Amino acid sequence: MKRRLAIATAALVFIAAVFATSGRWLGTDDTVVGGLAQKAGVSQSRLLPWNLTGDLQLFVFCAGGAVAGFAIGYYWRALFNPGEGERRGANDHRSGKQAGS
């Protein structure tokens, strides 16, 4: 019981700290890349049709990459492995048999 109370308290403190400071923190693109772009004299362009600020844009691209990775992983054999018929022909060739006979 004490352990659950300690975990819940720590979680509430963490969430409160995030919400209390969220308005004052800039994303990594604004602080790091934006500063370097200003020094180089490059202007900022819009990448998406909607406006995402801070690290939300980074999260959206990361989530899209994760979805694409799971899809490619799921369809890996269909995308990159030869078909069943081609596989049989390759196995017959190794054993000395003619493919299709």
C-alpha atoms as a PDB file:
ATOM      1  CA  MET A   1       0.000   0.000   0.000  1.00  0.00           C
ATOM      2  CA  LYS A   2       2.807   2.398   0.884  1.00  0.00           C
ATOM      3  CA  ARG A   3       4.625   1.551  -2.328  1.00  0.00           C
ATOM      4  CA  ARG A   4       1.569   2.348  -4.471  1.00  0.00           C
ATOM      5  CA  LEU A   5       1.071   5.628  -2.629  1.00  0.00           C
ATOM      6  CA  ALA A   6       4.721   6.579  -3.196  1.00  0.00           C
ATOM      7  CA  ILE A   7       4.500   5.731  -6.916  1.00  0.00           C
ATOM      8  CA  ALA A   8       1.250   7.666  -7.323  1.00  0.00           C
ATOM      9  CA  THR A   9       2.708  10.674  -5.495  1.00  0.00           C
ATOM     10  CA  ALA A  10       5.850  10.631  -7.628  1.00  0.00           C
ATOM     11  CA  ALA A  11       3.748  10.387 -10.802  1.00  0.00           C
ATOM     12  CA  LEU A  12       1.547  13.315  -9.751  1.00  0.00           C
ATOM     13  CA  VAL A  13       4.572  15.450  -8.906  1.00  0.00           C
ATOM     14  CA  PHE A  14       6.147  14.644 -12.275  1.00  0.00           C
ATOM     15  CA  ILE A  15       2.940  15.440 -14.192  1.00  0.00           C
ATOM     16  CA  ALA A  16       2.451  18.683 -12.264  1.00  0.00           C
ATOM     17  CA  ALA A  17       6.047  19.712 -13.006  1.00  0.00           C
ATOM     18  CA  VAL A  18       5.596  19.021 -16.717  1.00  0.00           C
ATOM     19  CA  PHE A  19       2.400  21.073 -16.913  1.00  0.00           C
ATOM     20  CA  ALA A  20       3.844  23.901 -14.815  1.00  0.00           C
ATOM     21  CA  THR A  21       6.898  24.332 -17.056  1.00  0.00           C
ATOM     22  CA  SER A  22       5.482  23.353 -20.457  1.00  0.00           C
ATOM     23  CA  GLY A  23       4.826  26.944 -21.556  1.00  0.00           C
ATOM     24  CA  ARG A  24       8.401  28.082 -20.926  1.00  0.00           C
ATOM     25  CA  TRP A  25      10.333  25.319 -22.667  1.00  0.00           C
ATOM     26  CA  LEU A  26      11.136  25.385 -26.370  1.00  0.00           C
ATOM     27  CA  GLY A  27      11.612  22.292 -28.481  1.00  0.00           C
ATOM     28  CA  THR A  28      14.999  21.092 -29.693  1.00  0.00           C
ATOM     29  CA  ASP A  29      14.314  22.397 -33.198  1.00  0.00           C
ATOM     30  CA  ASP A  30      13.733  25.894 -31.848  1.00  0.00           C
ATOM     31  CA  THR A  31      16.731  25.984 -29.534  1.00  0.00           C
ATOM     32  CA  VAL A  32      19.437  24.076 -31.417  1.00  0.00           C
ATOM     33  CA  VAL A  33      18.523  24.034 -35.100  1.00  0.00           C
ATOM     34  CA  GLY A  34      16.866  27.457 -35.025  1.00  0.00           C
ATOM     35  CA  GLY A  35      19.972  29.090 -33.573  1.00  0.00           C
ATOM     36  CA  LEU A  36      22.231  27.502 -36.164  1.00  0.00           C
ATOM     37  CA  ALA A  37      19.850  28.473 -38.975  1.00  0.00           C
ATOM     38  CA  GLN A  38      19.844  32.109 -37.833  1.00  0.00           C
ATOM     39  CA  LYS A  39      23.655  32.168 -37.822  1.00  0.00           C
ATOM     40  CA  ALA A  40      23.690  30.706 -41.342  1.00  0.00           C
ATOM     41  CA  GLY A  41      21.027  33.161 -42.551  1.00  0.00           C
ATOM     42  CA  VAL A  42      18.506  30.473 -43.537  1.00  0.00           C
ATOM     43  CA  SER A  43      14.811  31.221 -43.125  1.00  0.00           C
ATOM     44  CA  GLN A  44      12.364  28.747 -41.618  1.00  0.00           C
ATOM     45  CA  SER A  45       9.945  26.982 -43.966  1.00  0.00           C
ATOM     46  CA  ARG A  46       6.704  25.145 -43.219  1.00  0.00           C
ATOM     47  CA  LEU A  47       7.060  21.394 -43.436  1.00  0.00           C
ATOM     48  CA  LEU A  48       3.471  20.391 -42.686  1.00  0.00           C
ATOM     49  CA  PRO A  49       0.193  22.044 -43.681  1.00  0.00           C
ATOM     50  CA  TRP A  50      -0.788  22.371 -40.005  1.00  0.00           C
ATOM     51  CA  ASN A  51       1.183  24.100 -37.283  1.00  0.00           C
ATOM     52  CA  LEU A  52       2.899  21.830 -34.745  1.00  0.00           C
ATOM     53  CA  THR A  53       5.050  23.529 -32.138  1.00  0.00           C
ATOM     54  CA  GLY A  54       7.953  22.347 -30.042  1.00  0.00           C
ATOM     55  CA  ASP A  55       8.599  18.636 -29.790  1.00  0.00           C
ATOM     56  CA  LEU A  56       5.078  17.711 -30.931  1.00  0.00           C
ATOM     57  CA  GLN A  57       6.292  17.737 -34.542  1.00  0.00           C
ATOM     58  CA  LEU A  58       9.164  15.432 -33.590  1.00  0.00           C
ATOM     59  CA  PHE A  59       6.711  13.081 -31.844  1.00  0.00           C
ATOM     60  CA  VAL A  60       4.422  12.964 -34.895  1.00  0.00           C
ATOM     61  CA  PHE A  61       7.299  12.035 -37.206  1.00  0.00           C
ATOM     62  CA  CYS A  62       8.612   9.482 -34.697  1.00  0.00           C
ATOM     63  CA  ALA A  63       5.165   7.880 -34.401  1.00  0.00           C
ATOM     64  CA  GLY A  64       4.859   7.772 -38.205  1.00  0.00           C
ATOM     65  CA  GLY A  65       8.245   6.077 -38.424  1.00  0.00           C
ATOM     66  CA  ALA A  66       7.209   3.529 -35.806  1.00  0.00           C
ATOM     67  CA  VAL A  67       3.994   2.717 -37.690  1.00  0.00           C
ATOM     68  CA  ALA A  68       5.929   2.364 -40.950  1.00  0.00           C
ATOM     69  CA  GLY A  69       8.503   0.151 -39.214  1.00  0.00           C
ATOM     70  CA  PHE A  70       5.836  -2.143 -37.805  1.00  0.00           C
ATOM     71  CA  ALA A  71       4.154  -2.368 -41.220  1.00  0.00           C
ATOM     72  CA  ILE A  72       7.423  -3.216 -42.972  1.00  0.00           C
ATOM     73  CA  GLY A  73       8.257  -5.752 -40.273  1.00  0.00           C
ATOM     74  CA  TYR A  74       4.855  -7.384 -40.631  1.00  0.00           C
ATOM     75  CA  TYR A  75       5.102  -7.629 -44.425  1.00  0.00           C
ATOM     76  CA  TRP A  76       8.869  -8.337 -44.528  1.00  0.00           C
ATOM     77  CA  ARG A  77       8.595 -11.777 -46.132  1.00  0.00           C
ATOM     78  CA  ALA A  78       6.113 -10.612 -48.738  1.00  0.00           C
ATOM     79  CA  LEU A  79       8.282  -7.616 -49.626  1.00  0.00           C
ATOM     80  CA  PHE A  80      11.806  -9.021 -49.668  1.00  0.00           C
ATOM     81  CA  ASN A  81      11.711 -12.835 -49.801  1.00  0.00           C
ATOM     82  CA  PRO A  82      11.198 -14.712 -53.066  1.00  0.00           C
ATOM     83  CA  GLY A  83       7.850 -16.321 -53.757  1.00  0.00           C
ATOM     84  CA  GLU A  84       7.042 -19.895 -52.790  1.00  0.00           C
ATOM     85  CA  GLY A  85       7.459 -21.162 -56.351  1.00  0.00           C
ATOM     86  CA  GLU A  86      10.860 -19.518 -56.773  1.00  0.00           C
ATOM     87  CA  ARG A  87      11.996 -20.993 -53.475  1.00  0.00           C
ATOM     88  CA  ARG A  88      11.105 -24.524 -54.581  1.00  0.00           C
ATOM     89  CA  GLY A  89      13.013 -24.070 -57.822  1.00  0.00           C
ATOM     90  CA  ALA A  90      16.115 -22.893 -55.968  1.00  0.00           C
ATOM     91  CA  ASN A  91      15.976 -25.912 -53.638  1.00  0.00           C
ATOM     92  CA  ASP A  92      15.582 -28.318 -56.573  1.00  0.00           C
ATOM     93  CA  HIS A  93      18.580 -26.750 -58.313  1.00  0.00           C
ATOM     94  CA  ARG A  94      20.805 -27.414 -55.290  1.00  0.00           C
ATOM     95  CA  SER A  95      19.852 -31.072 -55.201  1.00  0.00           C
ATOM     96  CA  GLY A  96      20.590 -31.543 -58.907  1.00  0.00           C
ATOM     97  CA  LYS A  97      16.936 -31.741 -60.055  1.00  0.00           C
ATOM     98  CA  GLN A  98      15.582 -29.619 -62.878  1.00  0.00           C
ATOM     99  CA  ALA A  99      13.058 -26.957 -61.888  1.00  0.00           C
ATOM    100  CA  GLY A 100       9.603 -27.792 -63.199  1.00  0.00           C
ATOM    101  CA  SER A 101      10.198 -31.513 -63.741  1.00  0.00           C
END
